[in-house]
Amino acid sequence: MPGANQKYEIDSIIPATGWKARFHTTDGAHEEQPLICWTLCNFEDQHDENAKEVLGLVLRQGKRVLCDCDEGFIEYIPPKN
């Protein structure tokens, strides 16, 4: 997966209706944010080879964030239905 400062390209987006992501907060609690969408990301891995991975995208603290690249990310939460 791409690191927080690593360049990546989004190849496609996939709806994420009902999905949420859970993050640690600075005060030791946690917060949940609804996913904007799933993204198919293209990036170079640690061996400088092309890699693709599906990652959730959320709006967190006013910025679009790939969940797995955020150090506070805990887990994805599926829809309750």
N, C-alpha and C. Protein backbone atom coordinates (compact mmCIF):
# COMPACT_ATOMS: atom_id res chain seq x y z
N MET A 1 0.83 -1.17 0.00
CA MET A 1 0.00 0.00 0.00
C MET A 1 0.87 1.24 0.00
N PRO A 2 0.40 2.32 -0.58
CA PRO A 2 1.23 3.53 -0.61
C PRO A 2 1.37 4.14 0.78
N GLY A 3 2.54 4.69 1.06
CA GLY A 3 2.76 5.39 2.31
C GLY A 3 2.10 6.76 2.28
N ALA A 4 2.10 7.45 3.41
CA ALA A 4 1.43 8.73 3.52
C ALA A 4 1.97 9.76 2.53
N ASN A 5 3.26 9.72 2.23
CA ASN A 5 3.86 10.70 1.33
C ASN A 5 4.22 10.12 -0.03
N GLN A 6 3.82 8.89 -0.30
CA GLN A 6 4.15 8.23 -1.55
C GLN A 6 3.17 8.63 -2.65
N LYS A 7 3.66 8.77 -3.86
CA LYS A 7 2.80 9.12 -4.98
C LYS A 7 2.03 7.88 -5.43
N TYR A 8 0.80 8.11 -5.82
CA TYR A 8 -0.05 7.03 -6.31
C TYR A 8 -1.03 7.63 -7.32
N GLU A 9 -1.64 6.77 -8.09
CA GLU A 9 -2.68 7.16 -9.03
C GLU A 9 -3.92 6.35 -8.72
N ILE A 10 -5.07 6.98 -8.81
CA ILE A 10 -6.33 6.26 -8.64
C ILE A 10 -6.80 5.84 -10.03
N ASP A 11 -6.87 4.52 -10.23
CA ASP A 11 -7.28 3.98 -11.53
C ASP A 11 -8.80 3.97 -11.68
N SER A 12 -9.52 3.68 -10.59
CA SER A 12 -10.98 3.68 -10.64
C SER A 12 -11.53 3.82 -9.23
N ILE A 13 -12.80 4.19 -9.18
CA ILE A 13 -13.48 4.29 -7.89
C ILE A 13 -14.69 3.36 -7.89
N ILE A 14 -15.05 2.89 -6.70
CA ILE A 14 -16.12 1.92 -6.53
C ILE A 14 -17.00 2.45 -5.39
N PRO A 15 -18.33 2.43 -5.54
CA PRO A 15 -19.19 2.91 -4.46
C PRO A 15 -18.94 2.15 -3.15
N ALA A 16 -19.09 2.85 -2.04
CA ALA A 16 -18.87 2.25 -0.72
C ALA A 16 -20.06 2.54 0.19
N THR A 17 -21.25 2.42 -0.34
CA THR A 17 -22.46 2.75 0.39
C THR A 17 -22.54 1.99 1.71
N GLY A 18 -22.66 2.75 2.80
CA GLY A 18 -22.83 2.15 4.13
C GLY A 18 -21.55 1.80 4.85
N TRP A 19 -20.40 1.79 4.17
CA TRP A 19 -19.13 1.44 4.80
C TRP A 19 -18.58 2.61 5.60
N LYS A 20 -17.89 2.32 6.68
CA LYS A 20 -17.23 3.33 7.51
C LYS A 20 -15.80 2.87 7.80
N ALA A 21 -14.99 3.82 8.27
CA ALA A 21 -13.63 3.51 8.71
C ALA A 21 -13.47 4.03 10.13
N ARG A 22 -12.78 3.28 10.96
CA ARG A 22 -12.54 3.66 12.35
C ARG A 22 -11.08 4.10 12.50
N PHE A 23 -10.88 5.22 13.21
CA PHE A 23 -9.57 5.80 13.43
C PHE A 23 -9.35 6.10 14.91
N HIS A 24 -8.09 6.01 15.36
CA HIS A 24 -7.72 6.51 16.68
C HIS A 24 -7.73 8.03 16.63
N THR A 25 -8.11 8.68 17.73
CA THR A 25 -8.02 10.14 17.82
C THR A 25 -6.85 10.50 18.72
N THR A 26 -6.48 11.77 18.74
CA THR A 26 -5.33 12.21 19.54
C THR A 26 -5.60 12.12 21.04
N ASP A 27 -6.88 12.08 21.45
CA ASP A 27 -7.18 11.99 22.88
C ASP A 27 -7.38 10.56 23.37
N GLY A 28 -7.04 9.57 22.54
CA GLY A 28 -7.11 8.17 22.95
C GLY A 28 -8.43 7.48 22.65
N ALA A 29 -9.40 8.22 22.16
CA ALA A 29 -10.69 7.63 21.79
C ALA A 29 -10.61 7.16 20.34
N HIS A 30 -11.75 6.95 19.73
CA HIS A 30 -11.78 6.64 18.30
C HIS A 30 -12.95 7.35 17.65
N GLU A 31 -12.85 7.51 16.33
CA GLU A 31 -13.92 8.13 15.55
C GLU A 31 -14.21 7.26 14.35
N GLU A 32 -15.43 7.36 13.86
CA GLU A 32 -15.81 6.66 12.64
C GLU A 32 -16.18 7.69 11.59
N GLN A 33 -15.72 7.45 10.37
CA GLN A 33 -16.00 8.32 9.24
C GLN A 33 -16.60 7.48 8.11
N PRO A 34 -17.64 7.99 7.44
CA PRO A 34 -18.18 7.24 6.30
C PRO A 34 -17.21 7.26 5.12
N LEU A 35 -17.10 6.14 4.44
CA LEU A 35 -16.26 6.08 3.25
C LEU A 35 -16.91 6.88 2.12
N ILE A 36 -16.11 7.66 1.42
CA ILE A 36 -16.57 8.35 0.23
C ILE A 36 -16.72 7.32 -0.88
N CYS A 37 -15.69 6.46 -1.01
CA CYS A 37 -15.68 5.41 -2.02
C CYS A 37 -14.51 4.47 -1.74
N TRP A 38 -14.48 3.38 -2.47
CA TRP A 38 -13.30 2.52 -2.54
C TRP A 38 -12.50 2.98 -3.74
N THR A 39 -11.19 2.91 -3.67
CA THR A 39 -10.34 3.32 -4.78
C THR A 39 -9.41 2.18 -5.18
N LEU A 40 -9.22 1.99 -6.47
CA LEU A 40 -8.21 1.07 -6.97
C LEU A 40 -6.99 1.93 -7.25
N CYS A 41 -5.96 1.80 -6.40
CA CYS A 41 -4.77 2.64 -6.48
C CYS A 41 -3.62 1.90 -7.15
N ASN A 42 -2.88 2.64 -7.96
CA ASN A 42 -1.69 2.13 -8.63
C ASN A 42 -0.50 2.88 -8.04
N PHE A 43 0.50 2.16 -7.54
CA PHE A 43 1.66 2.78 -6.91
C PHE A 43 2.86 1.85 -7.03
N GLU A 44 4.04 2.37 -6.71
CA GLU A 44 5.24 1.53 -6.70
C GLU A 44 5.45 0.99 -5.30
N ASP A 45 5.72 -0.32 -5.20
CA ASP A 45 5.95 -0.92 -3.89
C ASP A 45 7.40 -0.73 -3.46
N GLN A 46 7.78 -1.35 -2.35
CA GLN A 46 9.13 -1.18 -1.80
C GLN A 46 10.23 -1.73 -2.71
N HIS A 47 9.85 -2.51 -3.73
CA HIS A 47 10.82 -3.06 -4.68
C HIS A 47 10.78 -2.31 -6.01
N ASP A 48 10.16 -1.10 -6.02
CA ASP A 48 10.02 -0.28 -7.22
C ASP A 48 9.26 -0.99 -8.33
N GLU A 49 8.33 -1.83 -7.95
CA GLU A 49 7.47 -2.51 -8.92
C GLU A 49 6.06 -1.95 -8.80
N ASN A 50 5.32 -1.95 -9.91
CA ASN A 50 3.94 -1.47 -9.87
C ASN A 50 3.08 -2.42 -9.04
N ALA A 51 2.24 -1.83 -8.23
CA ALA A 51 1.31 -2.61 -7.40
C ALA A 51 -0.04 -1.93 -7.45
N LYS A 52 -1.09 -2.71 -7.27
CA LYS A 52 -2.45 -2.18 -7.21
C LYS A 52 -3.12 -2.69 -5.96
N GLU A 53 -3.90 -1.82 -5.34
CA GLU A 53 -4.60 -2.21 -4.12
C GLU A 53 -5.89 -1.41 -4.01
N VAL A 54 -6.93 -2.02 -3.45
CA VAL A 54 -8.18 -1.32 -3.19
C VAL A 54 -8.12 -0.76 -1.78
N LEU A 55 -8.32 0.57 -1.67
CA LEU A 55 -8.26 1.27 -0.39
C LEU A 55 -9.49 2.15 -0.23
N GLY A 56 -9.94 2.32 1.00
CA GLY A 56 -11.06 3.21 1.29
C GLY A 56 -10.59 4.66 1.31
N LEU A 57 -11.48 5.56 0.89
CA LEU A 57 -11.19 6.99 0.89
C LEU A 57 -12.22 7.68 1.78
N VAL A 58 -11.75 8.51 2.73
CA VAL A 58 -12.63 9.24 3.63
C VAL A 58 -12.25 10.72 3.65
N LEU A 59 -13.14 11.53 4.20
CA LEU A 59 -12.84 12.93 4.48
C LEU A 59 -12.56 13.00 5.97
N ARG A 60 -11.32 13.34 6.33
CA ARG A 60 -10.91 13.38 7.72
C ARG A 60 -10.17 14.68 7.98
N GLN A 61 -10.67 15.46 8.95
CA GLN A 61 -10.07 16.74 9.31
C GLN A 61 -9.93 17.64 8.08
N GLY A 62 -10.96 17.61 7.23
CA GLY A 62 -11.00 18.48 6.06
C GLY A 62 -10.17 18.03 4.87
N LYS A 63 -9.57 16.84 4.95
CA LYS A 63 -8.73 16.34 3.85
C LYS A 63 -9.19 14.96 3.42
N ARG A 64 -9.06 14.70 2.12
CA ARG A 64 -9.30 13.34 1.62
C ARG A 64 -8.12 12.47 2.01
N VAL A 65 -8.43 11.31 2.60
CA VAL A 65 -7.39 10.44 3.13
C VAL A 65 -7.64 9.00 2.68
N LEU A 66 -6.59 8.33 2.19
CA LEU A 66 -6.67 6.89 1.98
C LEU A 66 -6.51 6.24 3.35
N CYS A 67 -7.51 5.52 3.78
CA CYS A 67 -7.55 5.00 5.15
C CYS A 67 -6.29 4.25 5.55
N ASP A 68 -5.87 3.29 4.75
CA ASP A 68 -4.72 2.45 5.11
C ASP A 68 -3.42 3.23 5.20
N CYS A 69 -3.38 4.43 4.66
CA CYS A 69 -2.17 5.26 4.69
C CYS A 69 -2.15 6.20 5.89
N ASP A 70 -3.24 6.26 6.63
CA ASP A 70 -3.34 7.13 7.81
C ASP A 70 -2.87 6.35 9.03
N GLU A 71 -1.94 6.91 9.79
CA GLU A 71 -1.39 6.18 10.95
C GLU A 71 -2.43 5.90 12.02
N GLY A 72 -3.55 6.62 12.04
CA GLY A 72 -4.59 6.39 13.03
C GLY A 72 -5.63 5.36 12.61
N PHE A 73 -5.51 4.83 11.39
CA PHE A 73 -6.51 3.88 10.88
C PHE A 73 -6.52 2.59 11.69
N ILE A 74 -7.73 2.14 12.05
CA ILE A 74 -7.89 0.89 12.79
C ILE A 74 -8.47 -0.20 11.90
N GLU A 75 -9.67 0.08 11.34
CA GLU A 75 -10.36 -0.96 10.58
C GLU A 75 -11.49 -0.37 9.74
N TYR A 76 -11.95 -1.19 8.78
CA TYR A 76 -13.15 -0.86 8.02
C TYR A 76 -14.34 -1.50 8.71
N ILE A 77 -15.48 -0.80 8.67
CA ILE A 77 -16.70 -1.30 9.28
C ILE A 77 -17.74 -1.50 8.18
N PRO A 78 -18.20 -2.74 7.97
CA PRO A 78 -19.15 -2.99 6.89
C PRO A 78 -20.55 -2.43 7.21
N PRO A 79 -21.38 -2.30 6.19
CA PRO A 79 -22.76 -1.84 6.42
C PRO A 79 -23.48 -2.77 7.38
N LYS A 80 -24.42 -2.23 8.12
CA LYS A 80 -25.14 -3.03 9.14
C LYS A 80 -26.26 -3.88 8.56
N ASN A 81 -26.62 -3.67 7.32
CA ASN A 81 -27.75 -4.42 6.73
C ASN A 81 -27.35 -5.83 6.49
